[in-house]
Amino acid sequence: MFFFNKEDVYIGSSMEELSKVREILKREGIKYTYKAIDSSGKWLGPGTSRGNYGSFGMNKNYEKQYVVSVRKKDAENAKYLVHRILHS
């Protein structure tokens, strides 16, 4: 979509917040991309970190990180909207 011309406007670990961010951007007509990064699924040697070491002591609420990106020209407006929706 806009591979080189993007800026992150939300980085967090809450699926609820991600949903709110996507909703407000969609409502305002701002195109965005998002990705989920699962830190426990990274490959280390013969398997994933969870597979090698288990998940004891891992906080499930922070296992995934969500990143929402928009075009640079929309970033300032998107950041304002994200801040307003998450902190009001």
N, C-alpha and C. Protein backbone atom coordinates (compact mmCIF):
# COMPACT_ATOMS: atom_id res chain seq x y z
N MET A 1 0.82 -1.19 0.00
CA MET A 1 0.00 0.00 0.00
C MET A 1 0.87 1.25 0.00
N PHE A 2 1.58 1.50 1.08
CA PHE A 2 2.44 2.67 1.17
C PHE A 2 3.66 2.31 1.99
N PHE A 3 4.44 1.39 1.46
CA PHE A 3 5.54 0.74 2.16
C PHE A 3 6.58 1.71 2.73
N PHE A 4 7.08 2.64 1.92
CA PHE A 4 8.15 3.52 2.37
C PHE A 4 7.67 4.83 2.96
N ASN A 5 6.44 5.18 2.71
CA ASN A 5 5.92 6.47 3.09
C ASN A 5 4.92 6.34 4.24
N LYS A 6 5.33 5.69 5.34
CA LYS A 6 4.40 5.47 6.43
C LYS A 6 5.00 5.88 7.77
N GLU A 7 4.11 6.09 8.72
CA GLU A 7 4.53 6.44 10.07
C GLU A 7 3.62 5.71 11.06
N ASP A 8 4.22 5.19 12.12
CA ASP A 8 3.44 4.49 13.15
C ASP A 8 2.70 5.51 14.01
N VAL A 9 1.40 5.27 14.22
CA VAL A 9 0.60 6.17 15.04
C VAL A 9 0.10 5.49 16.31
N TYR A 10 0.23 4.18 16.38
CA TYR A 10 -0.15 3.45 17.59
C TYR A 10 0.75 2.23 17.71
N ILE A 11 1.30 2.04 18.90
CA ILE A 11 2.03 0.83 19.25
C ILE A 11 1.56 0.45 20.64
N GLY A 12 1.00 -0.72 20.79
CA GLY A 12 0.49 -1.13 22.10
C GLY A 12 0.23 -2.62 22.16
N SER A 13 -0.26 -3.06 23.30
CA SER A 13 -0.49 -4.49 23.51
C SER A 13 -1.95 -4.82 23.80
N SER A 14 -2.83 -3.84 23.66
CA SER A 14 -4.24 -4.05 23.97
C SER A 14 -5.07 -4.23 22.70
N MET A 15 -5.74 -5.37 22.61
CA MET A 15 -6.62 -5.63 21.47
C MET A 15 -7.80 -4.64 21.48
N GLU A 16 -8.25 -4.27 22.67
CA GLU A 16 -9.35 -3.31 22.80
C GLU A 16 -8.94 -1.94 22.25
N GLU A 17 -7.74 -1.48 22.61
CA GLU A 17 -7.26 -0.20 22.09
C GLU A 17 -7.06 -0.27 20.58
N LEU A 18 -6.52 -1.37 20.09
CA LEU A 18 -6.33 -1.54 18.65
C LEU A 18 -7.66 -1.41 17.93
N SER A 19 -8.69 -2.00 18.47
CA SER A 19 -10.01 -1.92 17.87
C SER A 19 -10.51 -0.48 17.82
N LYS A 20 -10.32 0.27 18.89
CA LYS A 20 -10.74 1.67 18.94
C LYS A 20 -9.97 2.50 17.91
N VAL A 21 -8.67 2.27 17.81
CA VAL A 21 -7.83 3.01 16.87
C VAL A 21 -8.28 2.73 15.44
N ARG A 22 -8.47 1.47 15.11
CA ARG A 22 -8.91 1.12 13.76
C ARG A 22 -10.27 1.71 13.44
N GLU A 23 -11.16 1.69 14.41
CA GLU A 23 -12.51 2.24 14.22
C GLU A 23 -12.47 3.73 13.91
N ILE A 24 -11.70 4.51 14.68
CA ILE A 24 -11.67 5.96 14.46
C ILE A 24 -10.99 6.30 13.14
N LEU A 25 -9.94 5.59 12.78
CA LEU A 25 -9.27 5.85 11.50
C LEU A 25 -10.19 5.51 10.33
N LYS A 26 -10.91 4.42 10.45
CA LYS A 26 -11.84 4.03 9.39
C LYS A 26 -12.96 5.06 9.27
N ARG A 27 -13.50 5.49 10.40
CA ARG A 27 -14.59 6.47 10.41
C ARG A 27 -14.16 7.79 9.78
N GLU A 28 -12.89 8.18 9.99
CA GLU A 28 -12.39 9.45 9.46
C GLU A 28 -11.82 9.32 8.04
N GLY A 29 -11.85 8.10 7.50
CA GLY A 29 -11.41 7.89 6.12
C GLY A 29 -9.90 7.89 5.94
N ILE A 30 -9.16 7.59 7.00
CA ILE A 30 -7.70 7.54 6.93
C ILE A 30 -7.28 6.09 6.67
N LYS A 31 -6.59 5.87 5.56
CA LYS A 31 -6.12 4.52 5.24
C LYS A 31 -4.98 4.15 6.18
N TYR A 32 -4.97 2.89 6.61
CA TYR A 32 -3.97 2.43 7.56
C TYR A 32 -3.63 0.98 7.30
N THR A 33 -2.51 0.56 7.85
CA THR A 33 -2.15 -0.85 7.90
C THR A 33 -1.85 -1.17 9.35
N TYR A 34 -1.96 -2.44 9.70
CA TYR A 34 -1.60 -2.84 11.06
C TYR A 34 -0.97 -4.22 11.03
N LYS A 35 -0.20 -4.48 12.07
CA LYS A 35 0.41 -5.79 12.20
C LYS A 35 0.45 -6.18 13.67
N ALA A 36 0.45 -7.47 13.89
CA ALA A 36 0.56 -8.03 15.24
C ALA A 36 1.89 -8.77 15.32
N ILE A 37 2.66 -8.46 16.34
CA ILE A 37 3.97 -9.09 16.54
C ILE A 37 3.87 -9.97 17.78
N ASP A 38 4.10 -11.26 17.61
CA ASP A 38 4.02 -12.22 18.71
C ASP A 38 5.43 -12.55 19.18
N SER A 39 5.82 -12.00 20.31
CA SER A 39 7.19 -12.19 20.79
C SER A 39 7.49 -13.62 21.22
N SER A 40 6.47 -14.38 21.57
CA SER A 40 6.72 -15.75 22.01
C SER A 40 6.87 -16.71 20.84
N GLY A 41 6.56 -16.26 19.64
CA GLY A 41 6.64 -17.12 18.47
C GLY A 41 7.92 -16.95 17.67
N LYS A 42 8.87 -16.21 18.20
CA LYS A 42 10.14 -15.99 17.47
C LYS A 42 10.98 -17.26 17.52
N TRP A 43 11.65 -17.54 16.41
CA TRP A 43 12.47 -18.74 16.31
C TRP A 43 13.82 -18.53 16.97
N LEU A 44 14.17 -19.46 17.86
CA LEU A 44 15.46 -19.47 18.54
C LEU A 44 16.04 -20.87 18.43
N GLY A 45 17.02 -21.03 17.61
CA GLY A 45 17.64 -22.35 17.46
C GLY A 45 16.67 -23.37 16.88
N PRO A 46 16.42 -24.47 17.60
CA PRO A 46 15.61 -25.55 17.05
C PRO A 46 14.10 -25.31 17.10
N GLY A 47 13.66 -24.21 17.70
CA GLY A 47 12.22 -23.96 17.78
C GLY A 47 11.92 -22.55 18.26
N THR A 48 10.66 -22.31 18.58
CA THR A 48 10.27 -20.99 19.07
C THR A 48 10.66 -20.83 20.53
N SER A 49 10.69 -19.58 20.99
CA SER A 49 11.05 -19.35 22.39
C SER A 49 10.06 -20.01 23.33
N ARG A 50 8.77 -19.98 22.99
CA ARG A 50 7.78 -20.65 23.83
C ARG A 50 7.99 -22.16 23.80
N GLY A 51 8.32 -22.69 22.61
CA GLY A 51 8.55 -24.13 22.49
C GLY A 51 9.80 -24.58 23.23
N ASN A 52 10.83 -23.75 23.25
CA ASN A 52 12.09 -24.10 23.91
C ASN A 52 12.02 -23.93 25.42
N TYR A 53 11.37 -22.87 25.88
CA TYR A 53 11.42 -22.53 27.30
C TYR A 53 10.07 -22.60 28.01
N GLY A 54 8.99 -22.79 27.26
CA GLY A 54 7.66 -22.79 27.85
C GLY A 54 7.16 -21.37 28.05
N SER A 55 5.99 -21.26 28.66
CA SER A 55 5.41 -19.93 28.84
C SER A 55 5.24 -19.57 30.31
N PHE A 56 5.87 -20.31 31.20
CA PHE A 56 5.77 -20.01 32.63
C PHE A 56 6.35 -18.62 32.91
N GLY A 57 5.59 -17.81 33.61
CA GLY A 57 6.05 -16.48 33.99
C GLY A 57 5.79 -15.40 32.94
N MET A 58 5.26 -15.79 31.79
CA MET A 58 4.97 -14.81 30.75
C MET A 58 3.58 -14.22 30.98
N ASN A 59 3.48 -12.91 30.89
CA ASN A 59 2.20 -12.24 31.04
C ASN A 59 1.49 -12.27 29.69
N LYS A 60 0.38 -12.99 29.60
CA LYS A 60 -0.35 -13.14 28.34
C LYS A 60 -0.85 -11.80 27.79
N ASN A 61 -1.06 -10.82 28.67
CA ASN A 61 -1.55 -9.51 28.23
C ASN A 61 -0.52 -8.75 27.41
N TYR A 62 0.75 -9.11 27.54
CA TYR A 62 1.82 -8.40 26.84
C TYR A 62 2.56 -9.28 25.85
N GLU A 63 1.96 -10.39 25.50
CA GLU A 63 2.60 -11.33 24.59
C GLU A 63 2.61 -10.80 23.15
N LYS A 64 1.58 -10.07 22.77
CA LYS A 64 1.50 -9.53 21.42
C LYS A 64 1.60 -8.01 21.44
N GLN A 65 2.20 -7.48 20.40
CA GLN A 65 2.32 -6.04 20.23
C GLN A 65 1.65 -5.68 18.91
N TYR A 66 0.83 -4.64 18.94
CA TYR A 66 0.11 -4.21 17.75
C TYR A 66 0.66 -2.86 17.28
N VAL A 67 0.85 -2.74 15.97
CA VAL A 67 1.39 -1.51 15.39
C VAL A 67 0.44 -1.07 14.26
N VAL A 68 -0.01 0.20 14.34
CA VAL A 68 -0.86 0.77 13.31
C VAL A 68 -0.07 1.88 12.62
N SER A 69 -0.04 1.84 11.29
CA SER A 69 0.71 2.82 10.50
C SER A 69 -0.21 3.49 9.49
N VAL A 70 0.09 4.76 9.22
CA VAL A 70 -0.65 5.54 8.22
C VAL A 70 0.36 6.23 7.30
N ARG A 71 -0.14 6.82 6.22
CA ARG A 71 0.73 7.61 5.35
C ARG A 71 1.26 8.80 6.12
N LYS A 72 2.46 9.22 5.80
CA LYS A 72 3.08 10.33 6.51
C LYS A 72 2.23 11.60 6.43
N LYS A 73 1.58 11.83 5.31
CA LYS A 73 0.76 13.04 5.17
C LYS A 73 -0.45 13.02 6.10
N ASP A 74 -0.89 11.83 6.55
CA ASP A 74 -2.04 11.70 7.45
C ASP A 74 -1.63 11.51 8.91
N ALA A 75 -0.32 11.44 9.17
CA ALA A 75 0.16 11.06 10.50
C ALA A 75 -0.26 12.03 11.60
N GLU A 76 -0.13 13.32 11.37
CA GLU A 76 -0.44 14.29 12.42
C GLU A 76 -1.91 14.20 12.82
N ASN A 77 -2.80 14.16 11.84
CA ASN A 77 -4.23 14.05 12.12
C ASN A 77 -4.55 12.72 12.80
N ALA A 78 -3.93 11.64 12.33
CA ALA A 78 -4.18 10.32 12.90
C ALA A 78 -3.71 10.25 14.36
N LYS A 79 -2.55 10.83 14.65
CA LYS A 79 -2.05 10.83 16.03
C LYS A 79 -3.00 11.60 16.94
N TYR A 80 -3.52 12.71 16.46
CA TYR A 80 -4.48 13.48 17.24
C TYR A 80 -5.72 12.63 17.53
N LEU A 81 -6.25 11.97 16.51
CA LEU A 81 -7.45 11.14 16.69
C LEU A 81 -7.20 9.98 17.65
N VAL A 82 -6.05 9.34 17.49
CA VAL A 82 -5.71 8.20 18.36
C VAL A 82 -5.59 8.68 19.82
N HIS A 83 -4.91 9.79 20.02
CA HIS A 83 -4.78 10.33 21.38
C HIS A 83 -6.15 10.66 21.97
N ARG A 84 -6.98 11.29 21.16
CA ARG A 84 -8.31 11.70 21.64
C ARG A 84 -9.16 10.48 22.02
N ILE A 85 -9.14 9.43 21.18
CA ILE A 85 -9.97 8.27 21.44
C ILE A 85 -9.47 7.44 22.63
N LEU A 86 -8.16 7.42 22.86
CA LEU A 86 -7.60 6.59 23.93
C LEU A 86 -7.49 7.32 25.27
N HIS A 87 -7.49 8.64 25.25
CA HIS A 87 -7.27 9.39 26.49
C HIS A 87 -8.40 10.35 26.84
N SER A 88 -9.60 10.05 26.36
CA SER A 88 -10.72 10.94 26.71
C SER A 88 -11.70 10.25 27.63
